[in-house]
Amino acid sequence: MTAVLEVRDLQKNFGAVIAAKDINVTVNEHEIIGIIGANGAGKTTFVNMVTGYLKPTSGQIEFAGRNIMGLPPRTITNLGISRSFQVPQVFASETVFDNLMMAYAITEASGLELLSPLYNDERAARVDSHLARYQIAEYRNATSSTLPQGVRKLLDIAMAAVSKPTILMLDEPTSGISVEEKFDLMDTIMEALRQDQTTVLFIEHDMEIVERYVSRVLAFYQGRIICDAPVAEALLDPGVREFVIGEEYHRTRTANGNGGDNGGQL
């Protein structure tokens, strides 16, 4: 397997508070990795450092062999690492179609090209294809502020994916989604990203989602990675059971005979 992201000895301090320490991770192309941990464990800090939203205190981040430490988010996105957010970042007063038109225009533009007309037939065709891939074509002309939460999540992730990034990092893609909708939503996302052969890392609290969609888990506790292992092994790890998923989840999982081995790769 080919490594696309290598993180070495990464640390982030906020004054005397150490938010992340001794983070060492190698991500290979086409992997699907679940990032788990309690609130405040360091998951989002890690994603924010990789994507340029936080400047690390020390360490090294290499993407495709290039040092990206301290680069701004826009530069990192252009290089091939994109992300979505826990709260969807969409233009609430615009339609779904126009949101994606703007995402494509920003991705395709350079310099003064942003001043050129937003709409053209070729871009509109790409938008409509993208809407179909993410199964939100029926909402094409709906104002984004009126969308159900699941559709707004899909729109946010679809916008993050327009550049066909090498790596897409998702922050809690199923948060705020009903139990009845979560698997359909994730099936849609993962199939769309599989078609683009995107490497995926996503933060998730729902262990059913983790078991079903990932092949590997990074478990965070107090700013450190306490387990980096295949999903079935990680969910049996004593530290993960104590500090992340809890013994009750482990007992329920064992009683139900869940193995968690889904071979999740794109």
Protein backbone atom coordinates (compact mmCIF):
# COMPACT_ATOMS: atom_id res chain seq x y z
CA MET A 1 0.00 0.00 0.00
CA THR A 2 1.09 3.54 -0.74
CA ALA A 3 1.24 6.06 2.10
CA VAL A 4 -0.52 9.34 1.30
CA LEU A 5 -0.34 11.00 4.72
CA GLU A 6 2.37 10.69 7.36
CA VAL A 7 2.12 12.41 10.73
CA ARG A 8 5.07 12.30 13.09
CA ASP A 9 5.38 13.45 16.72
CA LEU A 10 2.55 15.95 16.30
CA GLN A 11 1.78 18.16 19.28
CA LYS A 12 -0.57 21.07 19.95
CA ASN A 13 -0.43 23.24 23.08
CA PHE A 14 -2.87 25.92 24.13
CA GLY A 15 -0.76 27.67 26.74
CA ALA A 16 -0.17 25.12 29.48
CA VAL A 17 -2.85 22.80 28.10
CA ILE A 18 -1.62 19.97 25.86
CA ALA A 19 -4.46 19.22 23.42
CA ALA A 20 -2.51 16.72 21.34
CA LYS A 21 0.78 14.93 21.96
CA ASP A 22 2.95 12.28 20.32
CA ILE A 23 0.57 11.66 17.43
CA ASN A 24 2.10 9.29 14.89
CA VAL A 25 -0.04 8.04 12.01
CA THR A 26 0.51 6.71 8.51
CA VAL A 27 -2.55 6.74 6.22
CA ASN A 28 -2.49 4.60 3.08
CA GLU A 29 -4.39 5.32 -0.10
CA HIS A 30 -7.99 4.07 -0.27
CA GLU A 31 -8.22 3.35 3.47
CA ILE A 32 -11.35 4.12 5.46
CA ILE A 33 -10.34 5.07 8.99
CA GLY A 34 -12.62 5.78 11.94
CA ILE A 35 -11.45 8.32 14.52
CA ILE A 36 -13.04 7.68 17.90
CA GLY A 37 -12.78 9.05 21.43
CA ALA A 38 -14.73 10.94 24.05
CA ASN A 39 -15.43 14.65 23.70
CA GLY A 40 -12.21 16.59 24.22
CA ALA A 41 -10.00 13.57 23.46
CA GLY A 42 -8.16 15.33 20.63
CA LYS A 43 -9.98 14.04 17.55
CA THR A 44 -11.01 17.37 16.05
CA THR A 45 -7.70 18.95 17.06
CA PHE A 46 -5.96 16.29 14.98
CA VAL A 47 -8.22 16.91 11.96
CA ASN A 48 -7.83 20.67 12.32
CA MET A 49 -4.03 20.40 12.32
CA VAL A 50 -3.91 18.17 9.25
CA THR A 51 -6.29 20.45 7.34
CA GLY A 52 -4.58 23.70 8.34
CA TYR A 53 -7.22 25.13 10.67
CA LEU A 54 -4.83 24.83 13.61
CA LYS A 55 -1.07 25.33 13.48
CA PRO A 56 0.72 22.51 15.33
CA THR A 57 3.14 23.41 18.10
CA SER A 58 5.62 20.83 16.85
CA GLY A 59 5.92 17.71 14.74
CA GLN A 60 5.67 16.89 11.06
CA ILE A 61 2.84 16.41 8.56
CA GLU A 62 3.65 15.10 5.08
CA PHE A 63 1.08 14.67 2.35
CA ALA A 64 2.17 12.84 -0.81
CA GLY A 65 5.76 13.40 0.27
CA ARG A 66 5.37 17.16 0.78
CA ASN A 67 5.66 18.97 4.10
CA ILE A 68 2.32 20.74 4.72
CA MET A 69 2.95 21.87 8.30
CA GLY A 70 1.53 25.33 8.86
CA LEU A 71 0.07 25.78 5.38
CA PRO A 72 -3.30 27.58 5.21
CA PRO A 73 -6.48 25.53 4.73
CA ARG A 74 -7.06 26.74 1.17
CA THR A 75 -3.59 25.62 0.10
CA ILE A 76 -4.02 22.22 1.74
CA THR A 77 -7.40 21.79 0.04
CA ASN A 78 -5.84 22.61 -3.32
CA LEU A 79 -3.14 20.01 -2.70
CA GLY A 80 -5.76 17.31 -2.16
CA ILE A 81 -6.98 17.15 1.46
CA SER A 82 -10.54 18.33 1.97
CA ARG A 83 -12.93 18.18 4.90
CA SER A 84 -16.49 18.59 6.07
CA PHE A 85 -17.65 19.93 9.43
CA GLN A 86 -19.91 18.64 12.19
CA VAL A 87 -22.21 21.62 11.54
CA PRO A 88 -22.74 21.75 7.75
CA GLN A 89 -21.03 24.75 6.14
CA VAL A 90 -23.48 25.67 3.40
CA PHE A 91 -24.85 28.94 2.03
CA ALA A 92 -28.21 28.84 3.81
CA SER A 93 -29.97 31.41 1.63
CA GLU A 94 -28.94 29.74 -1.65
CA THR A 95 -30.38 26.72 -3.41
CA VAL A 96 -28.71 23.32 -3.33
CA PHE A 97 -27.81 23.76 -7.00
CA ASP A 98 -26.22 27.17 -6.41
CA ASN A 99 -24.26 25.89 -3.42
CA LEU A 100 -22.62 23.29 -5.59
CA MET A 101 -22.15 25.75 -8.45
CA MET A 102 -20.19 27.98 -6.10
CA ALA A 103 -18.17 25.03 -4.79
CA TYR A 104 -17.22 24.05 -8.33
CA ALA A 105 -16.44 27.65 -9.29
CA ILE A 106 -14.11 28.08 -6.32
CA THR A 107 -12.41 24.74 -7.01
CA GLU A 108 -11.89 25.50 -10.69
CA ALA A 109 -10.96 29.16 -10.38
CA SER A 110 -7.56 30.77 -10.16
CA GLY A 111 -6.92 34.45 -9.55
CA LEU A 112 -9.39 36.75 -11.30
CA GLU A 113 -11.37 33.82 -12.71
CA LEU A 114 -13.59 34.10 -9.64
CA LEU A 115 -14.94 37.30 -11.18
CA SER A 116 -16.19 35.47 -14.26
CA PRO A 117 -19.83 34.31 -14.49
CA LEU A 118 -20.76 31.58 -12.02
CA TYR A 119 -23.03 29.71 -14.41
CA ASN A 120 -22.04 27.87 -17.56
CA ASP A 121 -23.55 24.78 -19.15
CA GLU A 122 -20.53 22.56 -18.58
CA ARG A 123 -20.38 23.38 -14.87
CA ALA A 124 -24.14 22.95 -14.51
CA ALA A 125 -23.88 19.45 -16.01
CA ARG A 126 -21.19 18.54 -13.47
CA VAL A 127 -23.37 19.86 -10.66
CA ASP A 128 -26.35 17.80 -11.77
CA SER A 129 -24.18 14.68 -11.98
CA HIS A 130 -22.87 15.36 -8.48
CA LEU A 131 -26.40 15.86 -7.15
CA ALA A 132 -27.39 12.48 -8.55
CA ARG A 133 -24.32 10.76 -7.10
CA TYR A 134 -25.17 12.04 -3.61
CA GLN A 135 -28.89 11.30 -4.13
CA ILE A 136 -30.06 14.85 -3.49
CA ALA A 137 -31.20 15.74 -7.03
CA GLU A 138 -34.81 16.09 -5.87
CA TYR A 139 -33.69 19.01 -3.68
CA ARG A 140 -31.90 20.77 -6.56
CA ASN A 141 -33.96 23.96 -6.36
CA ALA A 142 -34.64 23.93 -2.61
CA THR A 143 -33.21 26.68 -0.43
CA SER A 144 -30.54 25.14 1.78
CA SER A 145 -32.00 26.54 5.01
CA THR A 146 -35.14 24.45 4.44
CA LEU A 147 -33.35 21.11 4.03
CA PRO A 148 -33.73 18.17 6.41
CA GLN A 149 -30.59 17.62 8.49
CA GLY A 150 -29.56 14.51 6.57
CA VAL A 151 -29.81 16.25 3.21
CA ARG A 152 -27.87 19.24 4.52
CA LYS A 153 -25.14 16.85 5.67
CA LEU A 154 -25.03 15.26 2.23
CA LEU A 155 -24.82 18.68 0.59
CA ASP A 156 -21.94 19.74 2.85
CA ILE A 157 -20.00 16.56 2.10
CA ALA A 158 -20.81 16.78 -1.60
CA MET A 159 -19.39 20.32 -1.65
CA ALA A 160 -16.23 19.14 0.11
CA ALA A 161 -15.83 16.40 -2.48
CA VAL A 162 -16.21 18.45 -5.68
CA SER A 163 -12.43 18.74 -6.06
CA LYS A 164 -12.06 14.93 -5.91
CA PRO A 165 -9.58 15.15 -3.03
CA THR A 166 -7.09 12.40 -2.34
CA ILE A 167 -8.16 12.48 1.32
CA LEU A 168 -11.52 13.58 2.71
CA MET A 169 -11.86 14.11 6.46
CA LEU A 170 -15.39 14.08 7.85
CA ASP A 171 -16.34 15.43 11.28
CA GLU A 172 -19.19 13.32 12.69
CA PRO A 173 -21.12 12.74 9.45
CA THR A 174 -24.04 11.10 11.27
CA SER A 175 -24.45 13.59 14.13
CA GLY A 176 -28.03 14.81 14.34
CA ILE A 177 -29.20 12.03 12.01
CA SER A 178 -31.96 9.67 13.09
CA VAL A 179 -31.27 5.98 13.69
CA GLU A 180 -33.51 5.15 10.73
CA GLU A 181 -31.53 7.39 8.34
CA LYS A 182 -27.92 6.92 9.38
CA PHE A 183 -27.07 3.79 7.40
CA ASP A 184 -28.70 5.04 4.20
CA LEU A 185 -26.81 8.32 4.55
CA MET A 186 -23.48 6.57 5.08
CA ASP A 187 -24.14 4.13 2.23
CA THR A 188 -24.67 7.11 -0.08
CA ILE A 189 -21.53 8.91 1.10
CA MET A 190 -19.27 5.88 0.96
CA GLU A 191 -20.46 4.77 -2.46
CA ALA A 192 -19.89 8.25 -3.89
CA LEU A 193 -16.39 8.41 -2.39
CA ARG A 194 -15.61 4.86 -3.52
CA GLN A 195 -16.32 5.92 -7.10
CA ASP A 196 -13.69 8.65 -6.76
CA GLN A 197 -11.26 6.31 -4.93
CA THR A 198 -11.05 8.76 -2.05
CA THR A 199 -9.21 7.94 1.15
CA VAL A 200 -11.54 8.69 4.07
CA LEU A 201 -10.98 9.51 7.72
CA PHE A 202 -14.05 10.30 9.78
CA ILE A 203 -14.71 11.22 13.39
CA GLU A 204 -17.60 9.20 14.76
CA HIS A 205 -19.22 8.47 18.12
CA ASP A 206 -21.63 5.84 16.80
CA MET A 207 -19.86 2.49 17.09
CA GLU A 208 -22.40 0.80 14.81
CA ILE A 209 -21.25 3.14 12.05
CA VAL A 210 -17.60 2.49 12.91
CA GLU A 211 -18.06 -1.28 12.83
CA ARG A 212 -19.93 -1.21 9.55
CA TYR A 213 -17.83 1.17 7.46
CA VAL A 214 -14.20 1.28 8.58
CA SER A 215 -11.33 -1.16 8.41
CA ARG A 216 -9.10 0.65 10.89
CA VAL A 217 -9.59 2.72 14.03
CA LEU A 218 -7.62 5.54 15.60
CA ALA A 219 -8.75 5.83 19.23
CA PHE A 220 -7.90 9.07 21.05
CA TYR A 221 -7.71 9.69 24.79
CA GLN A 222 -6.39 12.84 26.45
CA GLY A 223 -4.76 14.07 23.25
CA ARG A 224 -2.96 10.82 22.45
CA ILE A 225 -3.70 7.87 20.21
CA ILE A 226 -4.17 4.92 22.54
CA CYS A 227 -5.00 2.40 19.82
CA ASP A 228 -4.35 2.19 16.07
CA ALA A 229 -5.66 -1.16 14.88
CA PRO A 230 -8.17 -2.99 12.66
CA VAL A 231 -11.70 -2.30 13.81
CA ALA A 232 -12.43 -5.70 15.36
CA GLU A 233 -9.17 -5.62 17.31
CA ALA A 234 -9.60 -1.99 18.37
CA LEU A 235 -13.06 -2.52 19.83
CA LEU A 236 -11.68 -5.31 22.01
CA ASP A 237 -8.72 -3.25 23.21
CA PRO A 238 -8.83 -2.74 27.00
CA GLY A 239 -8.02 0.97 26.76
CA VAL A 240 -10.68 1.57 24.12
CA ARG A 241 -13.23 -0.33 26.20
CA GLU A 242 -12.39 1.66 29.33
CA PHE A 243 -11.97 5.17 27.92
CA VAL A 244 -14.02 5.25 24.70
CA ILE A 245 -16.80 2.74 24.17
CA GLY A 246 -17.44 1.49 27.70
CA GLU A 247 -17.95 -2.01 29.01
CA GLU A 248 -21.72 -1.91 28.42
CA TYR A 249 -21.24 -1.50 24.68
CA HIS A 250 -18.70 -4.32 24.70
CA ARG A 251 -21.10 -6.66 26.52
CA THR A 252 -23.95 -5.82 24.15
CA ARG A 253 -21.72 -6.28 21.13
CA THR A 254 -20.47 -9.66 22.36
CA ALA A 255 -23.98 -10.85 23.20
CA ASN A 256 -25.18 -9.94 19.72
CA GLY A 257 -22.25 -11.71 18.09
CA ASN A 258 -21.00 -8.63 16.23
CA GLY A 259 -17.58 -9.18 14.79
CA GLY A 260 -17.05 -5.75 13.28
CA ASP A 261 -14.98 -7.15 10.40
CA ASN A 262 -16.24 -5.40 7.31
CA GLY A 263 -12.97 -5.15 5.38
CA GLY A 264 -13.80 -1.49 4.82
CA GLN A 265 -11.69 -0.13 2.00
CA LEU A 266 -12.64 1.93 -0.99
